[in-house]
Structures are given as structure tokens and as C-alpha cells.
Amino acid sequence: MNFAFQPSQAVIYLAWDFTHHFNDRKHANMSKWFTCAPQRYGCCQEAFFLRDSGLLTRELQQLGHESKVILLGPGYEGEFPDIIRATRQEMESADWWRALKLDGVIMMAWARHRDTPIVQAIAASGTPLVVYIDGNGDSFPVNRQIEFPKTIWRAQRGTHRSWPIRFCSALRTLTVGTAVSLLRHSYLKYRHLLYADVVALQTPTSFEGHQQLCTFYGGKNHGVNLQLVGIPIPTTYAWNPSVAKEKRIVAVGRWHELSQKRPYVLMAVCASVARKHPDLQIDIFGVKTEALAHWHLTLETSVRERIHVHGVQPGKVVNDAMQKAQISFFPSSSEGVPLSLFECLVCGVSTVGLDSPSMPGSRWAAESNHADLAPHDTTEAFVAAIERGLEKWERGEYSAKQISEHWIPITRPQHVIETMLKAVEAKRASSRNTSMAVANS
């Protein structure tokens, strides 16, 4: 799959397409496309609409569609009116979906088996359905016989436990997890995807992984309509030419998630590279755990004063740090699609991560020459990758303007929405043509 188009062409095309759709809607009823995230969220206010289903809902509204978000559980006082709360029983009812009289639903989830009754009900109601998957496509271990055990071992490394405990836990996950995945989870995921008109995927790696999964269970004509759509990032994230880039690294993550985000790897790498580069600044955003705070306090003063552990901050504060940074660092063992990585890219920031199929976002950036990846999962390899990136910035090989302009067309919510809707229309048109051909035969 290829997103190789020029930003200027994309802007002209999207502007024309928006005008085209707007003029059409002058003479037609406004369509109703809702998003659905079958999870329990707290009180959803403005911040909810900056990512995922909330962001897509806002973009649908901007494009002239009537749109709301359907969430699981009871509502909250002060919640935005664009939220519809429903019970699981309602979501699993075709009559409930039919009564909404929707033109389509975008389901934001991970194609989990527990949500299959919901997609069954949407399909049974006759409502067009997009299943939008946030994932890296690596949950099917047959695809990556060598990489899968490596991913499991890296996750155990992140917990900072003793070697024997890590080994036994990794072995159990590898044997039992692989068997369960093959015999149950992956097959049930394939059955789940069959109910969708379109299965929307965010990265080329995810597309390839799901293509292999569907082919394994359903053969060449597996019946799942896969579509690469990109990753929606708010338009507030973009390179600001008035802000000068500094020799600065930014790291954003949920640092309480030890096995995936691996804060112990973050600490080791940041301390090492800061000692080697006395003019380097590092900004760390995300949950400030006790371990992270203690590590920071124990650093020597000359290093501690240049590593800033900010904790959880408003999006604008993080955005401002991205504008100044040259490099984003992700020490994760695996990632579906880290939104903060692509927020950094559109702000003109190169990235450093592990060279692994389990990190499809980093690999995608590397394919576009906007990343420096560590070939090995060691502190030394990560530090060397960061130093390669710093050297490229110093030599002028990296351009914030070029990085930002490359990723903006791929990550704009309008592009993601229109790609989905066009894919649904193409699928429905194909089905109508097939029905007419059968009727006339």
C-alpha cells in the first residue's frame, strides 16, 4: 500500500472533494454517520474529541454529516451532548440500531470477540459498518514465527524482574498464548471482521498482518474488505516555522505500563545519552510513577537539570514541547499505533524506536527516512540510534518542514473519513451490481 502523493496535490484534492460533497448535500438530506466505542469512559468533555472516535465524530460534523459518539455505560452530568450512552443489551439489538436510522457506523475497537454481537446487530439492521482497528496486526503469531517470541521477551524485560521469572513468564506466554491465539482469538477475530462493509487499518504493517490472518482462515477469497486509511491527528498539530528546533528529545507514554511502555528502558537510555551530550535537553510526559520520580531525583545534578519529568500535561503543553524537539523516543516493546509518534511527525520531529514489526509506526517513519531505529533491544543500540538522529539534524539531513509536509496529508482526519466513506460506497455499489446481475441472469 502506498501513500506517495505530494502534499500540494493532496490539499487541492481535499479542497475540491469537500466542495464537491458540500454542493451535493445542498440538494440532499444530511447523512447520519455515528461512531461507536463499546467501552466505559468517564465524563467525556472537550479532551475526548481530540483523539479516536471523538476526533472522527468532530470531523464528520465538519464535513456536514450529522454525527455523535455511542459509548457504553451511564452518562455523566456536564457531559457533551454529542455523546449517546447505551447498554450492551441495546448495542446488541438490531432493532435498536435500526431505530437510529443511520447512514453508517464507524466502530472503534480491536475486533474483540466480546464485541462481535454488536457488529452482528449493526449488520443485521442493514446499517453500513466500518470496523476501524487500532492495532499493529501482529497478534497472529503464524505471520512472524521469529519476531513473536522476541516481542514476548521484550515485554518481560520491561517489568524489571529477575531473569528466571522473566524467562518462565515469557515461556508460558509464548506456548499457551500462541496456542490460544491460533485456536481461538485469531479465528474469532476473522469471524468478527466478516460482518463489516469495510475494515479500516492505520498502517501498512497492520494491513499486511490482517491480510495474512484473513487469508489463513478464509483463503484467497476471504470476504473481508480491508482498507488502509491512515491515522487521524488533530489539525492543531503541525510544524510551526516560527519555533526554532533545539537539541531536544521528547518522550510521551503511559509509564505505569511496565511491559509495553518500558519506563526502565526509558530511564536507562535517557540517562546515558544525556551524560554523553551535555547540551541535550529531554522532556518526558505521561504518568509520573514513583519509580520515575525516584530515578529522576537520584540523577547527578548536571544530568537531572536537563531531563524534565513533567507528568501528565494538557495537550497544548505537549504540543509546544514537540515544536521545539528534534527527536521523539519510544522505548516500547510493541505498539499498535502510538498517536504521539504521529503527532510528533506532523510537528516536524524525527523518531527513534526499535526496529521491529511490532513497532509498525516507527518502521513506517523509517521507510520515509524520518526515523533512526535500534537494530537491537539494548541501551547502547537505542543511544546509538538517537546519536545518529542528532547528527542528521546537525548536518541538515532532517528538515522539520519536509517531515511535517510528508505526514500531514496522511494524518488529517478529513482524509481518513473520506477514505472510509468512499470504500463503503464502493463496497455497496459492488454488492448492488452483483445483485442486479444475479436478478437478470
Protein backbone atom coordinates (compact mmCIF):
# COMPACT_ATOMS: atom_id res chain seq x y z
CA MET A 1 0.00 0.00 0.00
CA ASN A 2 1.32 3.43 -0.86
CA PHE A 3 0.57 6.95 0.33
CA ALA A 4 3.11 8.53 -2.03
CA PHE A 5 1.40 11.73 -3.09
CA GLN A 6 2.55 15.33 -2.88
CA PRO A 7 1.14 17.50 -0.05
CA SER A 8 0.17 20.25 -2.50
CA GLN A 9 -1.78 17.76 -4.60
CA ALA A 10 -3.46 16.40 -1.50
CA VAL A 11 -4.57 19.86 -0.37
CA ILE A 12 -6.01 20.69 -3.80
CA TYR A 13 -7.76 17.33 -4.00
CA LEU A 14 -9.23 17.53 -0.50
CA ALA A 15 -10.41 21.10 -1.04
CA TRP A 16 -12.12 20.09 -4.30
CA ASP A 17 -13.60 16.98 -2.72
CA PHE A 18 -15.00 18.91 0.24
CA THR A 19 -16.64 21.46 -2.08
CA HIS A 20 -17.99 18.64 -4.24
CA HIS A 21 -19.60 16.88 -1.27
CA PHE A 22 -20.89 20.16 0.19
CA ASN A 23 -22.62 21.11 -3.05
CA ASP A 24 -24.17 17.65 -3.27
CA ARG A 25 -25.59 17.99 0.23
CA LYS A 26 -27.37 21.21 -0.71
CA HIS A 27 -29.79 19.06 -2.68
CA ALA A 28 -29.92 16.03 -0.39
CA ASN A 29 -30.64 15.15 3.22
CA MET A 30 -27.67 15.38 5.52
CA SER A 31 -26.32 11.89 6.21
CA LYS A 32 -26.01 10.39 9.69
CA TRP A 33 -22.71 8.69 10.43
CA PHE A 34 -22.16 7.82 14.10
CA THR A 35 -19.05 6.43 15.74
CA CYS A 36 -19.17 3.73 18.41
CA ALA A 37 -16.64 2.76 21.08
CA PRO A 38 -18.13 -0.05 23.21
CA GLN A 39 -16.14 0.86 26.31
CA ARG A 40 -16.81 2.65 29.57
CA TYR A 41 -15.42 6.16 29.68
CA GLY A 42 -15.69 8.76 32.38
CA CYS A 43 -17.31 12.13 31.80
CA CYS A 44 -16.49 12.99 28.18
CA GLN A 45 -15.76 16.64 27.56
CA GLU A 46 -13.63 18.51 25.01
CA ALA A 47 -10.46 16.44 25.52
CA PHE A 48 -12.34 13.30 24.44
CA PHE A 49 -12.83 14.81 20.99
CA LEU A 50 -9.10 15.20 20.31
CA ARG A 51 -8.49 11.51 19.57
CA ASP A 52 -10.02 8.34 18.16
CA SER A 53 -13.83 8.16 17.98
CA GLY A 54 -14.29 11.67 19.36
CA LEU A 55 -11.96 13.18 16.75
CA LEU A 56 -13.66 11.29 13.89
CA THR A 57 -17.06 12.49 15.13
CA ARG A 58 -15.90 16.10 15.09
CA GLU A 59 -14.53 15.66 11.57
CA LEU A 60 -17.77 14.08 10.34
CA GLN A 61 -19.60 17.12 11.69
CA GLN A 62 -17.13 19.46 9.96
CA LEU A 63 -17.77 17.66 6.68
CA GLY A 64 -21.51 18.27 7.02
CA HIS A 65 -22.68 14.94 8.43
CA GLU A 66 -24.84 14.53 11.49
CA SER A 67 -22.64 12.62 13.94
CA LYS A 68 -22.49 11.53 17.56
CA VAL A 69 -20.45 9.07 19.61
CA ILE A 70 -22.10 5.98 21.11
CA LEU A 71 -20.41 4.82 24.31
CA LEU A 72 -21.09 2.09 26.82
CA GLY A 73 -22.48 2.80 30.27
CA PRO A 74 -24.39 5.57 32.07
CA GLY A 75 -23.95 9.24 31.26
CA TYR A 76 -22.44 11.94 33.46
CA GLU A 77 -23.56 15.39 34.47
CA GLY A 78 -21.83 18.01 32.36
CA GLU A 79 -21.05 15.58 29.55
CA PHE A 80 -21.05 16.93 26.00
CA PRO A 81 -24.37 16.48 24.14
CA ASP A 82 -22.60 14.71 21.25
CA ILE A 83 -22.38 11.61 23.46
CA ILE A 84 -25.01 8.85 23.40
CA ARG A 85 -24.77 6.33 26.24
CA ALA A 86 -26.17 2.84 25.74
CA THR A 87 -26.22 -0.51 27.48
CA ARG A 88 -24.55 -3.55 25.98
CA GLN A 89 -28.01 -5.08 25.58
CA GLU A 90 -29.08 -2.12 23.44
CA MET A 91 -25.88 -2.26 21.38
CA GLU A 92 -26.51 -5.95 20.70
CA SER A 93 -30.01 -5.28 19.37
CA ALA A 94 -30.56 -4.90 15.61
CA ASP A 95 -33.86 -3.11 16.34
CA TRP A 96 -32.04 -0.53 18.47
CA TRP A 97 -29.62 0.25 15.65
CA ARG A 98 -32.41 0.24 13.07
CA ALA A 99 -34.35 2.80 15.12
CA LEU A 100 -31.42 5.25 14.91
CA LYS A 101 -31.87 5.38 11.10
CA LEU A 102 -28.18 5.83 10.43
CA ASP A 103 -26.36 6.02 7.12
CA GLY A 104 -23.39 4.29 8.70
CA VAL A 105 -21.42 3.41 11.83
CA ILE A 106 -17.68 3.58 12.45
CA MET A 107 -16.83 1.04 15.14
CA MET A 108 -13.67 1.99 17.05
CA ALA A 109 -12.37 -1.15 18.76
CA TRP A 110 -9.94 -4.03 18.40
CA ALA A 111 -12.27 -6.59 16.80
CA ARG A 112 -12.67 -8.34 20.14
CA HIS A 113 -14.88 -11.40 20.37
CA ARG A 114 -16.94 -9.85 23.16
CA ASP A 115 -17.97 -7.09 20.74
CA THR A 116 -18.98 -9.47 17.92
CA PRO A 117 -22.69 -9.45 18.97
CA ILE A 118 -22.60 -5.67 18.44
CA VAL A 119 -21.26 -5.84 14.90
CA GLN A 120 -23.71 -8.66 14.19
CA ALA A 121 -26.57 -6.43 15.30
CA ILE A 122 -25.36 -3.48 13.20
CA ALA A 123 -25.03 -5.70 10.14
CA ALA A 124 -28.45 -7.26 10.75
CA SER A 125 -30.01 -3.79 10.94
CA GLY A 126 -28.80 -3.09 7.38
CA THR A 127 -26.61 -0.20 8.54
CA PRO A 128 -23.27 0.18 6.69
CA LEU A 129 -20.43 -0.65 9.06
CA VAL A 130 -16.76 0.30 9.21
CA VAL A 131 -14.68 -1.60 11.76
CA TYR A 132 -11.74 0.67 12.49
CA ILE A 133 -8.88 -1.23 14.13
CA ASP A 134 -6.18 0.40 16.24
CA GLY A 135 -3.57 -2.32 16.11
CA ASN A 136 -0.31 -3.39 14.56
CA GLY A 137 -1.54 -6.64 13.01
CA ASP A 138 0.99 -8.72 14.95
CA SER A 139 -1.47 -10.65 17.11
CA PHE A 140 -1.39 -13.51 14.61
CA PRO A 141 1.82 -15.34 15.56
CA VAL A 142 1.97 -17.58 12.47
CA ASN A 143 2.87 -14.45 10.48
CA ARG A 144 6.04 -13.79 12.43
CA GLN A 145 7.41 -17.00 13.89
CA ILE A 146 10.72 -15.38 14.91
CA GLU A 147 9.53 -11.91 15.90
CA PHE A 148 6.66 -13.07 18.13
CA PRO A 149 8.86 -14.64 20.84
CA LYS A 150 11.15 -11.61 20.70
CA THR A 151 8.18 -9.35 21.41
CA ILE A 152 7.17 -11.50 24.37
CA TRP A 153 10.72 -11.39 25.78
CA ARG A 154 10.95 -7.61 25.38
CA ALA A 155 7.69 -7.19 27.28
CA GLN A 156 9.13 -9.25 30.15
CA ARG A 157 12.29 -7.16 30.13
CA GLY A 158 10.21 -4.07 30.74
CA THR A 159 8.90 -5.41 34.05
CA HIS A 160 12.42 -5.27 35.54
CA ARG A 161 12.00 -8.63 37.24
CA SER A 162 14.68 -11.27 37.78
CA TRP A 163 15.92 -13.28 34.80
CA PRO A 164 14.40 -16.67 35.87
CA ILE A 165 10.97 -15.13 36.48
CA ARG A 166 11.10 -13.30 33.17
CA PHE A 167 12.10 -16.48 31.35
CA CYS A 168 9.32 -18.62 32.88
CA SER A 169 6.68 -15.93 32.26
CA ALA A 170 7.82 -15.46 28.66
CA LEU A 171 7.81 -19.22 28.04
CA ARG A 172 4.29 -19.57 29.41
CA THR A 173 3.02 -16.65 27.34
CA LEU A 174 4.74 -17.95 24.22
CA THR A 175 3.39 -21.51 24.43
CA VAL A 176 -0.07 -21.02 25.93
CA GLY A 177 -0.61 -17.61 24.33
CA THR A 178 0.28 -18.84 20.85
CA ALA A 179 -1.98 -21.87 21.12
CA VAL A 180 -4.92 -19.83 22.41
CA SER A 181 -4.36 -17.17 19.75
CA LEU A 182 -4.34 -19.71 16.91
CA LEU A 183 -7.19 -21.87 18.15
CA ARG A 184 -9.49 -19.14 19.37
CA HIS A 185 -8.67 -15.44 19.29
CA SER A 186 -7.44 -15.07 15.73
CA TYR A 187 -10.21 -17.17 14.24
CA LEU A 188 -12.87 -15.30 16.22
CA LYS A 189 -11.34 -12.03 15.07
CA TYR A 190 -11.63 -13.17 11.46
CA ARG A 191 -15.30 -14.06 12.01
CA HIS A 192 -15.82 -10.62 13.58
CA LEU A 193 -14.35 -8.82 10.55
CA LEU A 194 -16.68 -10.61 8.12
CA TYR A 195 -19.62 -8.51 9.37
CA ALA A 196 -18.04 -5.22 8.28
CA ASP A 197 -18.52 -3.49 4.96
CA VAL A 198 -15.00 -2.11 5.40
CA VAL A 199 -12.22 -2.96 7.83
CA ALA A 200 -10.16 0.23 8.18
CA LEU A 201 -6.49 -0.12 9.11
CA GLN A 202 -3.97 2.52 10.10
CA THR A 203 -0.57 1.37 8.87
CA PRO A 204 0.85 -0.75 6.04
CA THR A 205 2.11 -3.30 8.60
CA SER A 206 -1.36 -3.62 10.09
CA PHE A 207 -2.85 -4.05 6.63
CA GLU A 208 -0.40 -6.82 5.76
CA GLY A 209 -0.89 -8.61 9.07
CA HIS A 210 -4.67 -8.62 8.79
CA GLN A 211 -4.46 -9.66 5.15
CA GLN A 212 -2.44 -12.70 6.18
CA LEU A 213 -4.79 -13.51 9.04
CA CYS A 214 -7.87 -13.40 6.79
CA THR A 215 -6.15 -15.44 4.08
CA PHE A 216 -5.08 -18.08 6.62
CA TYR A 217 -8.65 -18.68 7.77
CA GLY A 218 -10.68 -17.74 4.70
CA GLY A 219 -8.42 -18.45 1.75
CA LYS A 220 -7.62 -16.11 -1.12
CA ASN A 221 -11.26 -15.00 -1.41
CA HIS A 222 -11.68 -14.49 2.33
CA GLY A 223 -14.50 -11.97 2.03
CA VAL A 224 -13.05 -9.26 4.29
CA ASN A 225 -12.79 -5.80 2.70
CA LEU A 226 -9.54 -4.36 4.08
CA GLN A 227 -8.70 -0.69 3.52
CA LEU A 228 -5.64 1.33 4.51
CA VAL A 229 -6.93 4.71 5.72
CA GLY A 230 -4.18 6.39 7.77
CA ILE A 231 -4.14 7.81 11.29
CA PRO A 232 -6.29 10.79 12.36
CA ILE A 233 -4.35 13.52 14.17
CA PRO A 234 -5.94 16.87 15.17
CA THR A 235 -5.11 19.76 12.87
CA THR A 236 -3.73 21.67 15.89
CA TYR A 237 -0.63 19.50 15.47
CA ALA A 238 1.55 20.92 12.69
CA TRP A 239 5.02 22.32 12.33
CA ASN A 240 5.29 25.94 13.42
CA PRO A 241 8.08 27.63 11.43
CA SER A 242 8.32 30.42 14.00
CA VAL A 243 9.58 27.99 16.65
CA ALA A 244 13.24 27.01 16.30
CA LYS A 245 14.23 23.38 16.69
CA GLU A 246 16.53 22.67 19.64
CA LYS A 247 18.79 19.76 20.54
CA ARG A 248 15.93 18.24 22.45
CA ILE A 249 14.20 14.87 22.80
CA VAL A 250 10.55 14.35 23.73
CA ALA A 251 9.10 11.11 25.14
CA VAL A 252 5.38 10.61 25.71
CA GLY A 253 3.84 7.49 27.23
CA ARG A 254 1.77 5.76 29.89
CA TRP A 255 4.80 4.96 32.03
CA HIS A 256 2.85 2.88 34.51
CA GLU A 257 2.51 0.19 31.82
CA LEU A 258 5.75 -1.64 32.52
CA SER A 259 5.67 -4.45 29.97
CA GLN A 260 4.67 -2.33 26.95
CA LYS A 261 5.93 1.22 27.51
CA ARG A 262 9.01 0.03 29.45
CA PRO A 263 9.91 3.04 31.63
CA TYR A 264 13.07 1.25 32.85
CA VAL A 265 14.38 1.28 29.29
CA LEU A 266 13.41 4.95 29.00
CA MET A 267 15.35 5.81 32.16
CA ALA A 268 18.49 3.93 31.16
CA VAL A 269 18.61 5.40 27.66
CA CYS A 270 17.81 8.98 28.68
CA ALA A 271 20.42 8.99 31.45
CA SER A 272 23.08 7.53 29.16
CA VAL A 273 22.52 9.87 26.22
CA ALA A 274 22.24 12.93 28.49
CA ARG A 275 25.63 12.12 30.04
CA LYS A 276 27.21 11.85 26.59
CA HIS A 277 25.66 15.12 25.33
CA PRO A 278 25.84 17.91 27.93
CA ASP A 279 23.90 20.31 25.67
CA LEU A 280 20.92 17.94 25.23
CA GLN A 281 17.50 18.58 26.81
CA ILE A 282 14.91 15.82 27.36
CA ASP A 283 11.17 16.28 28.03
CA ILE A 284 9.22 13.31 29.46
CA PHE A 285 5.42 13.47 29.52
CA GLY A 286 2.96 10.97 30.96
CA VAL A 287 2.13 9.41 34.30
CA LYS A 288 4.92 10.23 36.77
CA THR A 289 5.28 6.95 38.65
CA GLU A 290 7.15 6.61 41.93
CA ALA A 291 9.93 4.74 40.14
CA LEU A 292 10.27 7.50 37.54
CA ALA A 293 10.29 10.22 40.19
CA HIS A 294 12.86 8.36 42.33
CA TRP A 295 15.12 7.77 39.32
CA HIS A 296 15.00 11.46 38.45
CA LEU A 297 15.88 12.53 41.99
CA THR A 298 18.88 10.21 42.12
CA LEU A 299 20.48 11.50 38.93
CA GLU A 300 23.55 13.69 39.24
CA THR A 301 22.66 17.38 39.18
CA SER A 302 24.25 18.10 35.79
CA VAL A 303 22.02 15.45 34.20
CA ARG A 304 18.88 15.92 36.30
CA GLU A 305 18.56 19.61 35.43
CA ARG A 306 18.39 18.73 31.71
CA ILE A 307 15.86 15.87 31.99
CA HIS A 308 12.41 17.30 32.68
CA VAL A 309 9.81 14.85 34.02
CA HIS A 310 6.60 16.83 33.50
CA GLY A 311 3.95 14.23 34.35
CA VAL A 312 0.54 14.46 32.67
CA GLN A 313 0.09 17.84 30.99
CA PRO A 314 -2.55 19.50 28.75
CA GLY A 315 -2.23 18.82 25.03
CA LYS A 316 -1.05 22.36 24.31
CA VAL A 317 1.93 21.99 26.65
CA VAL A 318 2.93 18.72 24.98
CA ASN A 319 2.40 20.26 21.54
CA ASP A 320 4.70 23.17 22.46
CA ALA A 321 7.43 20.73 23.51
CA MET A 322 7.06 18.83 20.22
CA GLN A 323 7.55 22.07 18.31
CA LYS A 324 10.97 22.54 19.93
CA ALA A 325 12.11 18.90 19.81
CA GLN A 326 14.21 17.30 17.10
CA ILE A 327 13.62 13.67 18.13
CA SER A 328 10.83 11.65 19.73
CA PHE A 329 11.81 8.48 21.60
CA PHE A 330 9.64 5.38 22.05
CA PRO A 331 11.20 2.55 24.13
CA SER A 332 8.11 0.33 23.81
CA SER A 333 8.30 -3.44 23.38
CA SER A 334 5.41 -3.22 20.90
CA GLU A 335 2.86 -0.60 19.84
CA GLY A 336 -0.32 -0.65 17.84
CA VAL A 337 -0.19 2.93 16.65
CA PRO A 338 1.23 5.42 19.18
CA LEU A 339 -0.66 8.60 18.34
CA SER A 340 2.01 10.73 19.98
CA LEU A 341 4.54 9.42 17.44
CA PHE A 342 2.46 10.78 14.57
CA GLU A 343 1.68 13.97 16.49
CA CYS A 344 5.45 14.46 16.64
CA LEU A 345 5.93 13.69 12.95
CA VAL A 346 3.42 16.32 11.83
CA CYS A 347 5.25 18.76 14.12
CA GLY A 348 8.45 18.04 12.16
CA VAL A 349 10.07 15.69 14.67
CA SER A 350 12.03 12.60 13.63
CA THR A 351 11.68 9.48 15.77
CA VAL A 352 13.73 6.74 17.42
CA GLY A 353 12.41 3.30 18.34
CA LEU A 354 13.10 -0.38 17.98
CA ASP A 355 13.49 -1.91 14.53
CA SER A 356 10.73 -4.49 14.83
CA PRO A 357 7.49 -5.48 13.06
CA SER A 358 5.89 -4.96 16.47
CA MET A 359 6.60 -1.24 16.04
CA PRO A 360 4.86 -0.50 12.73
CA GLY A 361 4.66 3.24 13.30
CA SER A 362 8.42 3.54 13.73
CA ARG A 363 9.07 1.33 10.71
CA TRP A 364 6.68 3.37 8.59
CA ALA A 365 8.56 6.53 9.59
CA ALA A 366 11.86 4.81 8.76
CA GLU A 367 10.59 3.84 5.30
CA SER A 368 10.04 7.57 4.74
CA ASN A 369 13.54 8.35 6.06
CA HIS A 370 12.19 10.08 9.16
CA ALA A 371 13.37 7.59 11.80
CA ASP A 372 16.54 6.09 13.24
CA LEU A 373 15.84 2.61 14.55
CA ALA A 374 17.77 0.49 17.03
CA PRO A 375 18.66 -2.89 15.48
CA HIS A 376 18.98 -4.48 18.94
CA ASP A 377 16.98 -4.11 22.14
CA THR A 378 19.83 -2.73 24.23
CA THR A 379 20.57 0.60 25.87
CA GLU A 380 23.64 1.01 23.68
CA ALA A 381 21.66 0.42 20.47
CA PHE A 382 18.99 2.98 21.44
CA VAL A 383 21.63 5.57 22.38
CA ALA A 384 23.44 4.99 19.07
CA ALA A 385 20.15 5.47 17.17
CA ILE A 386 19.49 8.74 19.00
CA GLU A 387 23.01 9.94 18.21
CA ARG A 388 22.51 9.13 14.52
CA GLY A 389 19.38 11.24 14.58
CA LEU A 390 21.11 14.15 16.32
CA GLU A 391 23.91 14.04 13.75
CA LYS A 392 21.41 14.16 10.89
CA TRP A 393 19.78 17.24 12.40
CA GLU A 394 23.17 18.87 12.85
CA ARG A 395 24.17 18.14 9.24
CA GLY A 396 20.85 19.41 7.90
CA GLU A 397 19.73 16.00 6.61
CA TYR A 398 16.48 16.31 8.54
CA SER A 399 14.06 19.12 7.74
CA ALA A 400 11.14 19.87 10.06
CA LYS A 401 9.24 21.36 7.13
CA GLN A 402 9.75 18.30 4.93
CA ILE A 403 8.83 15.83 7.69
CA SER A 404 5.66 17.73 8.56
CA GLU A 405 4.54 18.18 4.96
CA HIS A 406 5.01 14.47 4.28
CA TRP A 407 2.81 13.29 7.15
CA ILE A 408 0.08 15.93 7.25
CA PRO A 409 -1.92 14.58 4.26
CA ILE A 410 -1.80 11.04 5.69
CA THR A 411 -2.91 12.05 9.18
CA ARG A 412 -5.59 14.63 8.52
CA PRO A 413 -8.99 13.42 9.85
CA GLN A 414 -10.70 14.53 6.62
CA HIS A 415 -8.52 12.15 4.60
CA VAL A 416 -9.27 9.26 6.99
CA ILE A 417 -13.04 9.86 6.96
CA GLU A 418 -13.34 10.31 3.20
CA THR A 419 -11.25 7.20 2.52
CA MET A 420 -13.58 5.18 4.74
CA LEU A 421 -16.80 6.54 3.24
CA LYS A 422 -15.61 6.06 -0.33
CA ALA A 423 -14.64 2.48 0.47
CA VAL A 424 -18.10 1.82 1.92
CA GLU A 425 -19.81 3.29 -1.11
CA ALA A 426 -17.65 1.23 -3.45
CA LYS A 427 -18.49 -1.93 -1.48
CA ARG A 428 -22.22 -1.17 -1.50
CA ALA A 429 -22.15 -0.33 -5.21
CA SER A 430 -20.39 -3.60 -5.95
CA SER A 431 -22.99 -5.51 -3.94
CA ARG A 432 -25.82 -3.77 -5.80
CA ASN A 433 -24.26 -4.58 -9.16
CA THR A 434 -23.82 -8.20 -8.16
CA SER A 435 -27.45 -8.42 -7.03
CA MET A 436 -28.67 -6.91 -10.28
CA ALA A 437 -26.54 -9.30 -12.32
CA VAL A 438 -27.95 -12.28 -10.43
CA ALA A 439 -31.51 -10.98 -10.84
CA ASN A 440 -31.05 -10.51 -14.57
CA SER A 441 -29.39 -13.90 -15.18
